N, C-alpha and C. Protein backbone atom coordinates (compact mmCIF):
# COMPACT_ATOMS: atom_id res chain seq x y z
N MET A 1 0.98 -1.15 0.02
CA MET A 1 0.21 0.41 0.16
C MET A 1 1.01 1.22 -0.01
N GLN A 2 0.30 2.21 -0.92
CA GLN A 2 1.52 3.62 -1.01
C GLN A 2 1.14 4.06 0.34
N SER A 3 1.82 5.07 0.94
CA SER A 3 2.01 5.83 1.75
C SER A 3 1.08 7.35 1.21
N PRO A 4 0.33 7.65 2.36
CA PRO A 4 -0.57 9.13 2.09
C PRO A 4 0.65 10.08 1.24
N VAL A 5 1.96 10.09 2.27
CA VAL A 5 2.44 11.20 1.27
C VAL A 5 2.96 11.00 -0.20
N PHE A 6 3.57 9.75 -0.38
CA PHE A 6 3.49 9.31 -1.69
C PHE A 6 2.63 9.53 -2.61
N ARG A 7 1.27 9.13 -2.17
CA ARG A 7 0.00 9.34 -3.20
C ARG A 7 -0.11 10.80 -3.41
N ALA A 8 -0.24 11.40 -2.42
CA ALA A 8 -0.49 12.86 -2.60
C ALA A 8 0.58 13.45 -3.83
N ARG A 9 2.10 13.04 -3.46
CA ARG A 9 2.91 13.65 -4.40
C ARG A 9 2.77 12.98 -5.94
N THR A 10 2.26 12.02 -6.08
CA THR A 10 2.17 11.26 -7.11
C THR A 10 1.02 12.02 -7.91
N GLU A 11 0.06 12.14 -6.99
CA GLU A 11 -1.26 12.84 -7.71
C GLU A 11 -0.90 13.69 -8.03
N ARG A 12 -0.32 14.75 -7.62
CA ARG A 12 -0.06 16.00 -7.83
C ARG A 12 0.85 16.38 -9.00
N LEU A 13 1.77 15.39 -9.02
CA LEU A 13 2.56 15.40 -10.33
C LEU A 13 1.87 15.29 -11.47
N VAL A 14 1.17 14.49 -11.42
CA VAL A 14 0.24 13.57 -12.67
C VAL A 14 -0.97 15.01 -12.93
N GLU A 15 -1.57 15.40 -11.98
CA GLU A 15 -2.21 16.77 -11.97
C GLU A 15 -1.85 17.91 -12.58
N ASP A 16 -0.32 18.23 -12.34
CA ASP A 16 0.59 19.27 -12.87
C ASP A 16 0.89 19.14 -14.33
N TYR A 17 1.24 17.59 -14.52
CA TYR A 17 1.04 17.46 -15.99
C TYR A 17 -0.08 17.60 -16.82
N THR A 18 -1.15 17.23 -16.30
CA THR A 18 -2.53 17.23 -16.90
C THR A 18 -2.89 18.44 -17.24
N ALA A 19 -2.49 19.49 -16.31
CA ALA A 19 -2.89 21.09 -16.29
C ALA A 19 -1.92 21.51 -17.34
N SER A 20 -0.91 21.24 -17.74
CA SER A 20 0.31 21.57 -18.47
C SER A 20 0.11 21.29 -19.83
N HIS A 21 -0.34 20.06 -19.77
CA HIS A 21 -0.45 19.17 -21.52
C HIS A 21 -1.66 18.91 -21.55
N ILE A 22 -2.77 19.23 -21.28
CA ILE A 22 -4.25 18.92 -21.68
C ILE A 22 -5.43 19.92 -21.29
N PRO A 23 -5.00 20.94 -22.44
CA PRO A 23 -5.69 22.22 -22.10
C PRO A 23 -7.11 21.98 -22.14
N PRO A 24 -8.57 22.78 -21.41
CA PRO A 24 -9.56 22.48 -21.62
C PRO A 24 -10.36 22.88 -23.09
N ILE A 25 -10.92 22.24 -23.92
CA ILE A 25 -11.58 22.47 -25.06
C ILE A 25 -12.81 22.49 -25.05
N PHE A 26 -13.48 23.51 -25.43
CA PHE A 26 -14.89 23.23 -25.60
C PHE A 26 -15.61 22.92 -24.21
N GLY A 27 -15.23 23.34 -23.27
CA GLY A 27 -15.59 23.07 -21.92
C GLY A 27 -15.50 21.55 -21.64
N ILE A 28 -14.82 21.07 -22.54
CA ILE A 28 -14.63 19.39 -21.49
C ILE A 28 -13.35 18.98 -20.45
N ARG A 29 -14.05 18.71 -19.60
CA ARG A 29 -13.54 18.67 -17.96
C ARG A 29 -12.33 17.44 -18.67
N ARG A 30 -11.27 18.26 -18.11
CA ARG A 30 -9.68 17.33 -17.61
C ARG A 30 -10.13 16.23 -16.35
N TYR A 31 -9.78 15.39 -16.95
CA TYR A 31 -9.76 14.09 -15.72
C TYR A 31 -8.56 13.88 -15.11
N ARG A 32 -8.56 13.39 -13.90
CA ARG A 32 -6.91 13.35 -13.33
C ARG A 32 -6.84 12.04 -13.29
N TYR A 33 -5.59 11.85 -13.85
CA TYR A 33 -5.40 10.07 -13.76
C TYR A 33 -4.22 10.00 -12.41
N TYR A 34 -4.31 8.84 -12.10
CA TYR A 34 -3.81 7.99 -11.00
C TYR A 34 -2.55 7.04 -11.57
N MET A 35 -1.51 7.22 -10.68
CA MET A 35 -0.48 6.57 -11.34
C MET A 35 0.19 5.77 -10.12
N TYR A 36 0.09 4.31 -9.71
CA TYR A 36 0.79 3.75 -8.44
C TYR A 36 1.84 3.02 -8.89
N ILE A 37 3.08 3.25 -8.50
CA ILE A 37 4.17 2.51 -8.66
C ILE A 37 4.42 1.48 -7.91
N LYS A 38 4.48 0.05 -7.94
CA LYS A 38 4.97 -0.91 -7.43
C LYS A 38 6.47 -1.10 -7.14
N MET A 39 7.36 -1.11 -5.78
CA MET A 39 8.49 -1.34 -5.67
C MET A 39 8.70 -1.78 -4.54
N VAL A 40 9.53 -2.65 -4.15
CA VAL A 40 9.81 -2.99 -3.04
C VAL A 40 11.51 -2.99 -2.67
N THR A 41 12.00 -2.42 -1.59
CA THR A 41 13.54 -2.06 -1.38
C THR A 41 13.67 -3.12 -0.16
N PHE A 42 14.74 -3.61 -0.38
CA PHE A 42 15.19 -4.72 0.58
C PHE A 42 16.54 -3.74 1.27
N ASN A 43 16.68 -3.29 2.61
CA ASN A 43 17.73 -2.96 3.60
C ASN A 43 18.51 -4.16 4.25
N LEU A 44 19.53 -4.65 3.78
CA LEU A 44 20.04 -5.72 4.61
C LEU A 44 21.52 -5.48 4.80
N ALA A 45 22.38 -5.98 6.05
CA ALA A 45 23.58 -5.73 6.35
C ALA A 45 23.90 -7.08 6.91
N TYR A 46 24.97 -7.18 6.61
CA TYR A 46 25.64 -8.93 6.92
C TYR A 46 27.16 -8.30 7.32
N THR A 47 27.27 -8.85 8.68
CA THR A 47 28.90 -8.74 9.56
C THR A 47 29.32 -10.14 9.68
N ALA A 48 30.56 -10.02 9.43
CA ALA A 48 31.62 -11.36 9.90
C ALA A 48 32.98 -10.91 10.42
N PRO A 49 33.64 -11.54 11.17
CA PRO A 49 34.84 -11.25 11.66
C PRO A 49 35.72 -11.47 10.40
N ILE A 50 36.94 -10.75 10.66
CA ILE A 50 38.01 -10.66 9.69
C ILE A 50 38.88 -12.02 9.60
N ASN A 51 39.38 -11.88 11.04
CA ASN A 51 40.54 -12.81 11.30
C ASN A 51 39.38 -13.92 12.45
N ALA A 52 38.67 -14.60 12.03
CA ALA A 52 38.03 -15.74 12.83
C ALA A 52 38.88 -16.61 13.61
N THR A 53 38.75 -17.38 14.42
CA THR A 53 39.68 -18.30 15.16
C THR A 53 40.04 -19.34 14.30
N GLY A 54 41.27 -19.79 14.36
CA GLY A 54 42.33 -20.59 13.05
C GLY A 54 42.12 -20.13 12.07
N SER A 55 41.92 -18.84 11.42
CA SER A 55 42.10 -18.27 10.28
C SER A 55 43.70 -17.97 9.93
N SER A 56 44.27 -18.07 9.09
CA SER A 56 45.68 -17.45 8.88
C SER A 56 46.15 -17.05 7.51
N PRO A 57 46.89 -16.21 7.09
CA PRO A 57 47.38 -15.10 8.32
C PRO A 57 46.48 -14.33 9.03
N THR A 58 46.79 -13.77 9.93
CA THR A 58 45.73 -12.60 10.26
C THR A 58 46.17 -11.23 9.64
N LEU A 59 44.65 -10.81 9.22
CA LEU A 59 45.06 -9.93 8.06
C LEU A 59 44.81 -8.61 8.90
N THR A 60 45.08 -7.26 8.82
CA THR A 60 45.60 -5.93 8.82
C THR A 60 44.54 -5.33 8.30
N GLN A 61 44.20 -4.02 8.95
CA GLN A 61 43.18 -3.29 8.30
C GLN A 61 43.94 -2.63 7.07
N ALA A 62 45.23 -2.36 6.96
CA ALA A 62 45.84 -1.80 5.75
C ALA A 62 45.70 -3.14 4.75
N GLN A 63 45.70 -4.18 5.12
CA GLN A 63 45.83 -5.20 4.15
C GLN A 63 44.15 -5.41 3.42
N VAL A 64 43.30 -5.08 4.46
CA VAL A 64 41.96 -5.68 4.02
C VAL A 64 41.25 -4.27 3.03
N TRP A 65 41.91 -3.00 3.03
CA TRP A 65 41.81 -1.75 2.56
C TRP A 65 42.56 -1.90 1.17
N VAL A 66 43.49 -2.44 0.98
CA VAL A 66 44.01 -2.58 -0.57
C VAL A 66 43.08 -3.73 -1.24
N GLY A 67 42.93 -4.80 -0.26
CA GLY A 67 41.91 -5.54 -1.17
C GLY A 67 40.67 -4.97 -1.60
N LEU A 68 40.00 -4.46 -0.83
CA LEU A 68 38.77 -3.69 -0.99
C LEU A 68 38.89 -2.83 -2.45
N LYS A 69 39.92 -1.94 -2.39
CA LYS A 69 40.23 -1.33 -3.73
C LYS A 69 40.32 -1.96 -5.00
N ARG A 70 41.19 -3.11 -4.60
CA ARG A 70 41.28 -4.01 -5.50
C ARG A 70 39.74 -4.65 -6.33
N LYS A 71 39.31 -4.98 -5.37
CA LYS A 71 37.74 -5.38 -5.72
C LYS A 71 36.68 -4.61 -6.66
N VAL A 72 37.21 -3.02 -6.40
CA VAL A 72 36.26 -2.29 -7.25
C VAL A 72 36.90 -2.64 -8.78
N TYR A 73 38.01 -3.06 -8.84
CA TYR A 73 38.60 -3.17 -10.35
C TYR A 73 38.31 -4.42 -10.82
N ARG A 74 38.45 -5.87 -9.98
CA ARG A 74 38.15 -6.76 -10.48
C ARG A 74 37.15 -7.85 -9.33
N ALA A 75 36.09 -7.10 -9.66
CA ALA A 75 34.66 -7.80 -8.75
C ALA A 75 34.60 -9.01 -8.64
N GLN A 76 34.99 -9.83 -9.94
CA GLN A 76 34.60 -11.19 -10.31
C GLN A 76 35.30 -11.99 -9.32
N ASP A 77 36.80 -11.49 -8.79
CA ASP A 77 37.76 -12.19 -8.07
C ASP A 77 37.40 -12.36 -6.73
N PHE A 78 36.20 -11.52 -6.26
CA PHE A 78 35.73 -11.66 -4.76
C PHE A 78 34.31 -11.81 -4.90
N VAL A 79 33.64 -11.58 -5.81
CA VAL A 79 32.03 -11.92 -5.69
C VAL A 79 31.74 -13.17 -6.69
N SER A 80 31.02 -14.04 -6.43
CA SER A 80 31.04 -15.25 -7.43
C SER A 80 30.00 -14.71 -8.08
N ILE A 81 29.02 -13.97 -7.69
CA ILE A 81 27.72 -14.06 -8.78
C ILE A 81 28.19 -12.78 -9.62
N ILE A 82 29.38 -12.20 -9.77
CA ILE A 82 29.84 -11.34 -10.67
C ILE A 82 30.50 -12.07 -11.75
N GLU A 83 30.54 -11.89 -13.02
CA GLU A 83 31.29 -12.77 -14.11
C GLU A 83 31.80 -11.95 -14.95
N GLU A 84 31.68 -10.35 -14.97
CA GLU A 84 32.95 -9.48 -15.34
C GLU A 84 32.98 -7.91 -14.93
N CYS A 85 34.01 -7.31 -15.18
CA CYS A 85 33.83 -6.17 -14.18
C CYS A 85 34.89 -5.40 -15.40
N ASN A 86 34.24 -4.01 -15.86
CA ASN A 86 35.19 -3.26 -16.67
C ASN A 86 35.25 -1.67 -15.87
N VAL A 87 36.27 -1.24 -15.73
CA VAL A 87 36.46 0.16 -15.58
C VAL A 87 36.15 1.29 -16.62
N LEU A 88 35.15 2.13 -16.36
CA LEU A 88 35.05 3.02 -17.57
C LEU A 88 35.71 4.22 -17.17
N ALA A 89 35.79 4.90 -15.69
CA ALA A 89 36.53 5.96 -15.48
C ALA A 89 37.11 6.24 -14.42
N GLU A 90 37.62 7.06 -13.71
CA GLU A 90 38.64 7.35 -12.86
C GLU A 90 38.46 8.93 -12.34
N GLU A 91 37.83 9.41 -10.94
CA GLU A 91 38.05 10.40 -10.82
C GLU A 91 38.55 11.09 -9.22
N GLN A 92 39.91 11.49 -9.25
CA GLN A 92 40.52 11.66 -7.89
C GLN A 92 40.11 12.77 -7.40
N ASP A 93 39.85 12.72 -6.05
CA ASP A 93 39.12 13.59 -5.01
C ASP A 93 40.49 14.71 -4.78
N PRO A 94 40.63 15.71 -5.50
CA PRO A 94 41.57 16.99 -5.14
C PRO A 94 41.75 16.94 -3.86
N THR A 95 40.73 17.07 -2.68
CA THR A 95 41.09 17.50 -1.36
C THR A 95 41.70 16.07 -0.59
N SER A 96 41.59 14.67 -1.09
CA SER A 96 41.96 13.92 -0.40
C SER A 96 42.87 12.56 -1.28
N PRO A 97 44.16 12.69 -1.53
CA PRO A 97 44.65 11.58 -2.48
C PRO A 97 44.54 10.05 -2.09
N ASP A 98 43.68 9.61 -1.09
CA ASP A 98 43.47 8.27 -0.76
C ASP A 98 41.75 8.38 -1.62
N ASN A 99 41.02 9.08 -1.87
CA ASN A 99 39.73 9.25 -2.19
C ASN A 99 39.77 8.83 -3.57
N LEU A 100 38.84 8.17 -4.27
CA LEU A 100 38.74 7.78 -5.86
C LEU A 100 37.46 7.50 -5.94
N THR A 101 37.07 8.17 -6.96
CA THR A 101 35.73 8.03 -7.67
C THR A 101 35.65 6.85 -8.93
N VAL A 102 35.26 5.62 -8.61
CA VAL A 102 35.37 4.96 -9.97
C VAL A 102 34.30 4.45 -10.61
N THR A 103 34.06 4.83 -11.94
CA THR A 103 33.01 4.11 -12.88
C THR A 103 33.08 3.16 -13.29
N ARG A 104 32.24 1.91 -12.95
CA ARG A 104 32.08 0.71 -13.68
C ARG A 104 31.15 -0.19 -14.29
N GLU A 105 31.36 -0.97 -14.94
CA GLU A 105 30.33 -1.53 -15.76
C GLU A 105 30.20 -3.05 -15.17
N ILE A 106 29.59 -3.53 -14.47
CA ILE A 106 29.39 -5.07 -14.19
C ILE A 106 28.70 -6.02 -14.37
N ARG A 107 28.64 -7.30 -14.62
CA ARG A 107 27.75 -8.26 -15.32
C ARG A 107 27.46 -9.29 -14.11
N PHE A 108 26.48 -9.35 -13.81
CA PHE A 108 25.95 -10.54 -13.01
C PHE A 108 25.59 -11.84 -14.01
N LYS A 109 25.85 -12.90 -12.88
CA LYS A 109 25.44 -14.36 -13.35
C LYS A 109 23.67 -13.92 -13.45
N ALA A 110 23.00 -14.39 -14.86
CA ALA A 110 21.89 -14.17 -14.74
C ALA A 110 20.87 -14.59 -13.92
N GLY A 111 19.82 -14.25 -13.34
CA GLY A 111 19.10 -14.78 -12.56
C GLY A 111 19.58 -14.25 -11.14
N SER A 112 20.70 -13.55 -10.55
CA SER A 112 21.37 -13.64 -9.37
C SER A 112 21.83 -12.45 -8.88
N GLY A 113 21.81 -11.25 -10.33
CA GLY A 113 21.88 -9.89 -9.69
C GLY A 113 20.67 -9.05 -9.30
N PRO A 114 21.05 -7.93 -8.90
CA PRO A 114 19.80 -6.74 -8.66
C PRO A 114 18.81 -6.95 -9.96
N ALA A 115 17.89 -6.03 -9.85
CA ALA A 115 16.99 -6.14 -10.92
C ALA A 115 17.24 -5.37 -12.18
N ALA A 116 18.32 -4.24 -12.02
CA ALA A 116 18.94 -3.67 -13.49
C ALA A 116 19.86 -4.90 -14.31
N ALA A 117 20.14 -5.94 -13.31
CA ALA A 117 20.95 -7.40 -13.89
C ALA A 117 20.57 -8.48 -14.13
N SER A 118 19.16 -8.27 -14.20
CA SER A 118 18.59 -9.76 -13.83
C SER A 118 18.58 -10.74 -15.02
N GLY A 119 18.48 -10.29 -16.00
CA GLY A 119 18.77 -10.98 -17.19
C GLY A 119 20.43 -11.11 -17.78
N GLY A 120 21.29 -10.88 -16.60
CA GLY A 120 22.57 -10.76 -17.16
C GLY A 120 23.18 -9.69 -17.80
N ALA A 121 22.51 -8.81 -18.09
CA ALA A 121 22.42 -7.49 -18.51
C ALA A 121 24.08 -6.64 -18.01
N PRO A 122 24.59 -5.59 -18.49
CA PRO A 122 25.62 -5.05 -17.98
C PRO A 122 24.91 -3.73 -16.78
N VAL A 123 25.34 -3.74 -16.03
CA VAL A 123 24.78 -2.31 -14.64
C VAL A 123 26.05 -1.69 -14.45
N LYS A 124 26.07 -0.25 -14.93
CA LYS A 124 26.95 0.35 -14.41
C LYS A 124 26.56 0.97 -12.64
N GLU A 125 28.21 0.69 -12.15
CA GLU A 125 28.48 1.17 -10.53
C GLU A 125 29.02 2.28 -10.61
N VAL A 126 28.61 3.30 -9.94
CA VAL A 126 29.71 4.43 -9.29
C VAL A 126 30.05 4.03 -7.81
N CYS A 127 31.42 3.61 -7.61
CA CYS A 127 32.32 3.44 -6.85
C CYS A 127 33.16 4.60 -5.78
N VAL A 128 32.76 4.78 -4.88
CA VAL A 128 33.57 5.98 -4.04
C VAL A 128 33.86 5.32 -2.79
N TYR A 129 35.50 5.71 -2.91
CA TYR A 129 36.35 5.34 -1.55
C TYR A 129 36.14 6.23 -0.37
N PHE A 130 36.42 5.78 0.75
CA PHE A 130 36.30 6.72 1.71
C PHE A 130 37.41 5.99 2.85
N ALA A 131 38.84 6.18 2.51
CA ALA A 131 39.88 5.46 2.69
C ALA A 131 40.08 5.93 4.18
N PRO A 132 40.36 4.82 5.16
CA PRO A 132 40.73 3.60 5.02
C PRO A 132 39.65 2.34 5.43
N CYS A 133 38.21 2.85 5.07
CA CYS A 133 37.51 1.81 5.68
C CYS A 133 36.37 1.54 5.01
N ARG A 134 35.97 2.37 4.06
CA ARG A 134 34.41 2.00 3.34
C ARG A 134 34.70 2.61 1.95
N VAL A 135 33.95 1.73 1.07
CA VAL A 135 33.48 1.89 -0.19
C VAL A 135 32.36 1.75 -0.45
N ASP A 136 31.65 2.40 -1.18
CA ASP A 136 30.28 2.78 -1.53
C ASP A 136 30.07 2.88 -2.99
N PHE A 137 28.68 2.15 -2.98
CA PHE A 137 28.61 1.87 -4.54
C PHE A 137 27.26 2.16 -5.03
N LYS A 138 26.98 2.83 -6.03
CA LYS A 138 25.35 3.05 -6.44
C LYS A 138 24.98 2.84 -7.65
N GLN A 139 23.85 2.16 -8.23
CA GLN A 139 23.33 1.86 -9.26
C GLN A 139 22.40 2.84 -10.00
N PRO A 140 21.95 2.42 -11.32
CA PRO A 140 21.31 3.55 -11.75
C PRO A 140 19.65 3.68 -11.42
N ASP A 141 19.41 2.75 -10.63
CA ASP A 141 18.14 2.46 -10.04
C ASP A 141 17.80 3.17 -8.68
N GLY A 142 19.09 3.38 -7.87
CA GLY A 142 19.13 3.85 -6.72
C GLY A 142 19.66 2.58 -5.81
N SER A 143 19.90 1.40 -6.14
CA SER A 143 20.42 0.33 -5.32
C SER A 143 21.96 1.20 -4.97
N THR A 144 21.84 0.96 -3.76
CA THR A 144 23.43 1.05 -3.15
C THR A 144 23.75 -0.09 -2.41
N ILE A 145 25.19 -0.19 -2.21
CA ILE A 145 26.16 -0.81 -1.76
C ILE A 145 27.08 -0.35 -0.77
N SER A 146 27.30 -0.52 0.66
CA SER A 146 28.38 -0.39 1.02
C SER A 146 29.29 -1.26 1.65
N ASN A 147 30.75 -1.54 1.42
CA ASN A 147 31.84 -2.43 2.16
C ASN A 147 32.32 -1.59 3.21
N ILE A 148 32.55 -1.93 4.38
CA ILE A 148 32.69 -1.58 5.79
C ILE A 148 33.61 -2.12 6.30
N VAL A 149 34.90 -1.91 6.52
CA VAL A 149 35.86 -2.39 7.58
C VAL A 149 35.72 -1.68 8.91
N SER A 150 35.48 -2.39 10.02
CA SER A 150 35.29 -1.83 11.20
C SER A 150 36.15 -2.36 12.42
N GLU A 151 36.31 -1.81 13.64
CA GLU A 151 37.00 -2.25 14.66
C GLU A 151 36.74 -2.02 16.20
N ASP A 152 36.24 -3.36 16.74
CA ASP A 152 35.92 -3.21 17.90
C ASP A 152 36.91 -2.85 19.07
N GLU A 153 36.10 -3.00 20.45
CA GLU A 153 37.04 -1.98 21.54
C GLU A 153 38.53 -3.08 21.74
N LYS A 154 38.44 -4.48 21.31
CA LYS A 154 39.51 -4.98 21.19
C LYS A 154 40.55 -5.34 20.19
N GLY A 155 40.02 -4.14 19.32
CA GLY A 155 40.96 -4.44 18.11
C GLY A 155 40.91 -5.56 16.73
N GLU A 156 39.40 -6.04 17.21
CA GLU A 156 39.22 -7.16 16.11
C GLU A 156 38.75 -6.56 14.88
N LEU A 157 39.00 -7.03 13.86
CA LEU A 157 38.77 -6.77 12.52
C LEU A 157 37.09 -7.01 12.13
N PHE A 158 36.33 -6.43 11.70
CA PHE A 158 35.14 -7.01 11.00
C PHE A 158 34.72 -6.39 9.81
N MET A 159 34.18 -7.30 8.80
CA MET A 159 33.80 -6.66 7.62
C MET A 159 32.24 -6.62 7.44
N THR A 160 31.86 -5.65 6.89
CA THR A 160 30.14 -5.57 6.64
C THR A 160 29.81 -5.05 5.44
N TYR A 161 28.54 -5.44 4.85
CA TYR A 161 28.19 -5.44 3.48
C TYR A 161 26.78 -4.74 4.14
N VAL A 162 26.35 -3.39 3.47
CA VAL A 162 25.16 -2.98 3.66
C VAL A 162 24.37 -2.68 2.21
N PHE A 163 23.06 -3.33 1.93
CA PHE A 163 22.72 -3.39 0.90
C PHE A 163 21.37 -2.67 1.15
N GLY A 164 21.13 -1.76 -0.20
CA GLY A 164 19.50 -1.24 -0.25
C GLY A 164 19.16 -1.67 -1.74
N TRP A 165 18.64 -2.59 -2.08
CA TRP A 165 18.16 -3.48 -3.14
C TRP A 165 17.01 -2.88 -3.78
N ARG A 166 16.73 -2.09 -4.69
CA ARG A 166 15.08 -1.56 -5.13
C ARG A 166 14.88 -2.32 -6.29
N TYR A 167 13.79 -3.24 -6.43
CA TYR A 167 13.09 -3.65 -7.18
C TYR A 167 11.76 -3.37 -7.45
N PRO A 168 11.87 -2.54 -8.62
CA PRO A 168 10.33 -1.65 -9.33
C PRO A 168 9.67 -3.16 -10.01
N GLY A 169 8.18 -3.16 -9.78
CA GLY A 169 7.72 -3.92 -10.40
C GLY A 169 7.07 -5.07 -9.54
N VAL A 170 7.73 -4.82 -8.08
CA VAL A 170 7.64 -6.03 -7.34
C VAL A 170 6.85 -5.63 -6.05
N GLN A 171 5.46 -6.40 -6.04
CA GLN A 171 4.88 -6.02 -4.90
C GLN A 171 5.17 -6.33 -3.52
N GLU A 172 5.33 -5.47 -2.53
CA GLU A 172 5.93 -5.88 -1.06
C GLU A 172 4.71 -6.84 -0.52
N GLY A 173 5.30 -7.66 -0.19
CA GLY A 173 4.80 -8.77 0.69
C GLY A 173 4.17 -10.10 -0.01
N SER A 174 4.60 -9.95 -1.20
CA SER A 174 4.41 -10.99 -2.12
C SER A 174 5.27 -12.15 -2.26
N ALA A 175 5.12 -12.83 -3.03
CA ALA A 175 5.53 -14.38 -3.03
C ALA A 175 7.15 -14.04 -3.48
N GLU A 176 6.91 -13.11 -4.94
CA GLU A 176 8.12 -12.97 -5.26
C GLU A 176 9.06 -12.11 -4.42
N ALA A 177 8.56 -11.02 -3.82
CA ALA A 177 9.26 -10.33 -3.09
C ALA A 177 9.87 -11.14 -1.81
N LYS A 178 9.44 -12.22 -1.19
CA LYS A 178 10.01 -13.13 -0.31
C LYS A 178 11.44 -14.21 -0.85
N THR A 179 10.85 -14.54 -2.23
CA THR A 179 12.05 -15.04 -2.47
C THR A 179 13.10 -14.13 -2.89
N LEU A 180 12.89 -12.90 -3.44
CA LEU A 180 14.03 -11.99 -3.88
C LEU A 180 14.77 -11.56 -2.37
N GLU A 181 14.23 -11.70 -1.38
CA GLU A 181 14.45 -11.43 0.08
C GLU A 181 15.79 -12.45 0.21
N GLU A 182 15.06 -13.44 0.26
CA GLU A 182 16.10 -14.56 0.77
C GLU A 182 17.26 -14.75 0.03
N ARG A 183 16.95 -14.52 -1.22
CA ARG A 183 18.13 -14.55 -2.44
C ARG A 183 19.44 -13.50 -1.97
N ASP A 184 18.46 -11.93 -1.19
CA ASP A 184 19.83 -11.42 -1.28
C ASP A 184 20.10 -11.77 -0.26
N TRP A 185 19.64 -12.30 0.78
CA TRP A 185 20.37 -12.43 2.28
C TRP A 185 21.60 -13.64 1.91
N LYS A 186 21.05 -14.53 1.06
CA LYS A 186 22.32 -15.47 0.36
C LYS A 186 23.60 -14.63 0.06
N THR A 187 23.32 -13.71 -0.88
CA THR A 187 24.63 -13.01 -1.44
C THR A 187 24.89 -11.97 -0.89
N ALA A 188 24.06 -11.45 0.07
CA ALA A 188 25.21 -10.70 1.17
C ALA A 188 26.02 -11.77 2.27
N ARG A 189 25.78 -12.79 2.26
CA ARG A 189 26.83 -13.11 3.57
C ARG A 189 27.64 -14.15 2.22
N THR A 190 27.41 -14.35 0.97
CA THR A 190 28.27 -15.13 -0.01
C THR A 190 29.28 -13.91 -0.25
N ALA A 191 28.93 -13.00 -0.32
CA ALA A 191 29.84 -11.48 -0.79
C ALA A 191 30.75 -11.50 0.53
N VAL A 192 30.08 -11.48 1.34
CA VAL A 192 31.29 -11.02 3.15
C VAL A 192 32.51 -11.94 3.26
N HIS A 193 31.95 -13.33 3.03
CA HIS A 193 32.88 -14.34 3.35
C HIS A 193 33.72 -14.48 1.95
N GLY A 194 33.52 -14.26 0.65
CA GLY A 194 34.43 -14.60 -0.21
C GLY A 194 35.11 -13.34 -0.38
N THR A 195 34.57 -12.07 -0.33
CA THR A 195 35.39 -11.31 0.03
C THR A 195 36.65 -11.40 0.85
N ILE A 196 36.75 -11.91 2.08
CA ILE A 196 37.58 -12.06 3.05
C ILE A 196 38.84 -13.06 2.76
N ASP A 197 37.78 -14.12 2.31
CA ASP A 197 38.75 -15.31 1.88
C ASP A 197 39.76 -15.35 0.62
N THR A 198 39.05 -14.18 -0.13
CA THR A 198 39.90 -14.07 -1.23
C THR A 198 41.28 -12.80 -1.06
N ILE A 199 41.12 -11.89 0.03
CA ILE A 199 41.99 -10.90 0.36
C ILE A 199 42.98 -12.05 1.26
N ARG A 200 42.54 -12.81 2.01
CA ARG A 200 43.74 -13.56 2.77
C ARG A 200 44.35 -14.46 1.63
N ARG A 201 43.71 -15.07 0.71
CA ARG A 201 44.66 -15.49 -0.41
C ARG A 201 45.56 -14.76 -0.78
N MET A 202 45.04 -13.54 -1.11
CA MET A 202 45.84 -12.55 -1.85
C MET A 202 47.02 -12.32 -1.10
N VAL A 203 47.04 -12.07 0.27
CA VAL A 203 48.12 -12.31 1.36
C VAL A 203 49.09 -13.24 0.98
N LYS A 204 48.33 -14.10 1.37
CA LYS A 204 49.26 -15.66 1.41
C LYS A 204 49.99 -15.99 -0.04
N ASP A 205 49.54 -15.53 -1.10
CA ASP A 205 50.06 -15.73 -2.30
C ASP A 205 51.28 -14.17 -2.79
N SER A 206 51.07 -13.58 -1.70
CA SER A 206 52.09 -12.35 -1.70
C SER A 206 51.69 -11.20 -2.94
N GLU A 207 50.12 -11.09 -3.39
CA GLU A 207 49.78 -10.42 -3.97
C GLU A 207 49.32 -9.31 -3.60
N ILE A 208 49.14 -8.96 -2.28
CA ILE A 208 49.41 -8.00 -1.73
C ILE A 208 50.60 -8.20 -0.36
N THR A 209 50.91 -7.48 -0.48
CA THR A 209 52.23 -7.28 0.38
C THR A 209 52.24 -6.20 1.62
N THR A 210 51.29 -5.36 1.80
CA THR A 210 51.25 -4.15 2.62
C THR A 210 51.45 -4.81 4.19
């Protein structure tokens, strides 16, 4: 069900359009058309310890940050549902040399990505570094992702992925919405653990030497 505020805004937009595009002719009354948009958004977050008991080598925050930056350029090495990643543009933040904005195009495996790429089509992402602990990703449909490295009071490191997946055309509370939400939770867990495992392998193989 649409909220009263959303409905009021939608009605006003349509009314304004009608007033400006459909002038009254010979006393014909303008009719107000209503447009209601179905869309569901899943806000999900998943966290895992970076140096779980028994894991080796122990990763530092500097090593994890190098890994997250590499993930922007080679996403398919870190997230199993991504098949291809191509960088389109880079822009340096003049106020902070450690921060960078990267525009890339990624391709998810068919049926496993967000709505914009559900058929295996490429989707553009704008990736912004916030050194040394966060990378934000934004897609054209408004979906967002954040990769965050945090530390607790004992100095233990954690990896958190925060997702805001948008699905236009999907009714909230429907069976389709439930299926998509369950799939997105699985994706969140897989992405976090896959990223940690890949960074640890790169450190073992001396691909990351920080």
